[in-house]
Amino acid sequence: MRRIAAIIGTAVLTFTAVQPTAFAGPVGTGWQEHTPAWNLQIQSRGEITSY
């Protein structure tokens, strides 16, 4: 029972620590979105992923 409580506690702390940074916006004012004119493609195991 202690092991399950420790796992649940760790999961809750991890979620609490990670979740606020996942939704954080830019710091300050005057920011503008930048859309570069290029596309990065990476091939891994025969599959191409575009970024």
Protein backbone atom coordinates (compact mmCIF):
# COMPACT_ATOMS: atom_id res chain seq x y z
CA MET A 1 0.00 0.00 0.00
CA ARG A 2 2.88 2.39 0.73
CA ARG A 3 4.34 1.77 -2.70
CA ILE A 4 1.09 2.72 -4.43
CA ALA A 5 0.83 5.87 -2.31
CA ALA A 6 4.42 6.78 -3.21
CA ILE A 7 3.76 6.27 -6.93
CA ILE A 8 0.59 8.37 -6.82
CA GLY A 9 2.38 11.08 -4.83
CA THR A 10 5.22 11.18 -7.35
CA ALA A 11 2.77 11.37 -10.26
CA VAL A 12 0.88 14.26 -8.65
CA LEU A 13 4.09 16.18 -7.91
CA THR A 14 5.38 15.61 -11.44
CA PHE A 15 2.12 16.81 -12.99
CA THR A 16 2.05 19.85 -10.71
CA ALA A 17 5.65 20.77 -11.54
CA VAL A 18 5.33 20.30 -15.33
CA GLN A 19 1.82 21.56 -16.02
CA PRO A 20 2.31 25.31 -15.35
CA THR A 21 5.29 25.55 -17.71
CA ALA A 22 3.44 23.77 -20.50
CA PHE A 23 0.88 26.60 -20.76
CA ALA A 24 3.14 29.56 -20.02
CA GLY A 25 2.97 32.46 -22.45
CA PRO A 26 5.72 34.88 -23.46
CA VAL A 27 7.27 37.04 -20.78
CA GLY A 28 6.86 40.77 -21.28
CA THR A 29 5.18 42.74 -24.05
CA GLY A 30 5.88 43.53 -27.68
CA TRP A 31 6.28 39.92 -28.83
CA GLN A 32 5.39 39.04 -32.42
CA GLU A 33 4.94 35.63 -34.01
CA HIS A 34 7.71 34.72 -36.43
CA THR A 35 7.05 32.36 -39.32
CA PRO A 36 10.33 31.45 -41.03
CA ALA A 37 10.46 31.00 -44.78
CA TRP A 38 12.10 27.57 -44.44
CA ASN A 39 11.05 24.12 -43.26
CA LEU A 40 13.21 21.66 -41.31
CA GLN A 41 12.79 18.02 -42.28
CA ILE A 42 14.34 15.11 -40.40
CA GLN A 43 14.39 11.56 -41.71
CA SER A 44 14.50 8.76 -39.16
CA ARG A 45 13.88 5.08 -39.90
CA GLY A 46 12.61 5.92 -43.38
CA GLU A 47 10.01 8.39 -42.11
CA ILE A 48 10.27 12.13 -42.84
CA THR A 49 9.06 14.58 -40.18
CA SER A 50 8.62 18.29 -41.00
CA TYR A 51 9.08 21.06 -38.42
